[in-house]
Amino acid sequence: MLNLTSMELMHIHIDLPWCYQIVFGMVDVECDNHFKLCTSPVVNPYKLYKLSGTNTTSHFLVCCVINVWNSLPKTMDFSTINAVRRAISDADLAEFLVLTQYTDT
């Protein structure tokens, strides 16, 4: 009723910049321990591959965010964290929301 951003969408908006910081070495987290960057010049140069995990790790940040990250437009500006945040806020991420939106009927 208040047209607020869902918690699920807010998590995506937080997780994607965090993923950016890991990929670009802006935080002290080993990227190679969680995912692998695609090395093919044909696809998005920042495409990520999941490393195999268990059911326990399937809900970790890197497992939850990789599909969303890989869906970002290839033309997206990855030059700064602020550019990434702007692009994320402009992107339609509805297809990645699992929870059903409640509507008045």
Protein backbone atom coordinates (compact mmCIF):
# COMPACT_ATOMS: atom_id res chain seq x y z
CA MET A 1 0.00 0.00 0.00
CA LEU A 2 2.89 2.35 0.74
CA ASN A 3 4.71 1.38 -2.47
CA LEU A 4 7.94 0.67 -0.56
CA THR A 5 10.83 -1.31 -1.96
CA SER A 6 10.65 -4.92 -0.83
CA MET A 7 13.31 -6.32 1.47
CA GLU A 8 14.19 -8.83 -1.23
CA LEU A 9 14.88 -6.08 -3.77
CA MET A 10 16.80 -4.08 -1.17
CA HIS A 11 19.03 -7.13 -0.61
CA ILE A 12 19.76 -7.33 -4.33
CA HIS A 13 20.63 -3.62 -4.37
CA ILE A 14 23.08 -4.22 -1.51
CA ASP A 15 24.51 -7.53 -2.75
CA LEU A 16 25.38 -6.39 -6.28
CA PRO A 17 27.66 -3.51 -5.19
CA TRP A 18 29.24 -5.87 -2.67
CA CYS A 19 29.89 -8.34 -5.49
CA TYR A 20 31.41 -5.49 -7.53
CA GLN A 21 33.76 -4.67 -4.65
CA ILE A 22 34.87 -8.30 -4.44
CA VAL A 23 35.41 -8.64 -8.21
CA PHE A 24 37.39 -5.41 -8.44
CA GLY A 25 39.49 -6.08 -5.32
CA MET A 26 38.07 -3.23 -3.26
CA VAL A 27 37.59 -5.44 -0.19
CA ASP A 28 39.84 -8.01 1.42
CA VAL A 29 37.97 -11.06 0.13
CA GLU A 30 39.51 -13.58 -2.23
CA CYS A 31 37.38 -13.58 -5.38
CA ASP A 32 38.75 -16.97 -6.43
CA ASN A 33 37.41 -18.62 -3.29
CA HIS A 34 33.82 -17.84 -4.25
CA PHE A 35 33.48 -17.49 -7.99
CA LYS A 36 35.45 -17.38 -11.19
CA LEU A 37 35.51 -14.60 -13.77
CA CYS A 38 34.76 -15.56 -17.36
CA THR A 39 37.81 -15.13 -19.56
CA SER A 40 36.05 -15.21 -22.92
CA PRO A 41 36.04 -11.84 -24.75
CA VAL A 42 32.83 -12.83 -26.55
CA VAL A 43 30.62 -12.65 -23.47
CA ASN A 44 30.35 -9.99 -20.81
CA PRO A 45 33.92 -9.61 -19.45
CA TYR A 46 32.61 -9.56 -15.88
CA LYS A 47 30.46 -12.67 -16.18
CA LEU A 48 30.86 -14.92 -13.15
CA TYR A 49 30.81 -18.68 -12.80
CA LYS A 50 29.71 -20.34 -9.59
CA LEU A 51 32.11 -22.71 -7.98
CA SER A 52 30.37 -25.91 -6.97
CA GLY A 53 28.90 -25.74 -3.54
CA THR A 54 26.82 -27.67 -1.11
CA ASN A 55 23.27 -27.09 0.04
CA THR A 56 24.74 -25.17 2.96
CA THR A 57 26.58 -22.70 0.71
CA SER A 58 23.77 -22.34 -1.83
CA HIS A 59 22.31 -19.42 0.12
CA PHE A 60 25.57 -17.50 0.50
CA LEU A 61 25.90 -14.11 -1.15
CA VAL A 62 27.88 -15.34 -4.12
CA CYS A 63 25.42 -18.09 -4.98
CA CYS A 64 22.40 -15.83 -4.70
CA VAL A 65 23.80 -12.87 -6.62
CA ILE A 66 25.59 -14.46 -9.58
CA ASN A 67 22.49 -14.91 -11.76
CA VAL A 68 21.47 -11.31 -11.17
CA TRP A 69 25.05 -10.09 -11.77
CA ASN A 70 25.29 -12.01 -15.04
CA SER A 71 22.00 -10.53 -16.25
CA LEU A 72 23.29 -6.96 -15.99
CA PRO A 73 23.60 -5.30 -19.40
CA LYS A 74 26.91 -5.79 -21.19
CA THR A 75 26.97 -2.06 -21.81
CA MET A 76 26.77 -1.27 -18.11
CA ASP A 77 29.31 1.22 -16.78
CA PHE A 78 31.62 -0.66 -14.38
CA SER A 79 34.05 2.26 -14.01
CA THR A 80 33.07 3.20 -10.44
CA ILE A 81 31.01 1.81 -7.61
CA ASN A 82 28.64 4.79 -7.90
CA ALA A 83 28.09 4.12 -11.61
CA VAL A 84 27.25 0.52 -10.76
CA ARG A 85 24.82 1.60 -8.04
CA ARG A 86 23.07 3.96 -10.46
CA ALA A 87 22.80 1.26 -13.12
CA ILE A 88 21.43 -1.22 -10.60
CA SER A 89 18.79 1.21 -9.39
CA ASP A 90 17.71 1.79 -13.02
CA ALA A 91 17.65 -1.92 -13.92
CA ASP A 92 14.47 -3.99 -13.83
CA LEU A 93 15.29 -6.83 -11.47
CA ALA A 94 11.72 -8.06 -11.01
CA GLU A 95 12.42 -11.43 -12.62
CA PHE A 96 14.83 -12.25 -9.79
CA LEU A 97 12.34 -11.60 -7.01
CA VAL A 98 11.13 -14.85 -5.53
CA LEU A 99 8.53 -13.56 -3.16
CA THR A 100 5.10 -12.70 -4.54
CA GLN A 101 4.06 -9.08 -4.41
CA TYR A 102 0.85 -8.60 -2.45
CA THR A 103 -1.87 -6.64 -4.17
CA ASP A 104 -5.26 -5.40 -3.12
CA THR A 105 -7.94 -7.43 -4.88
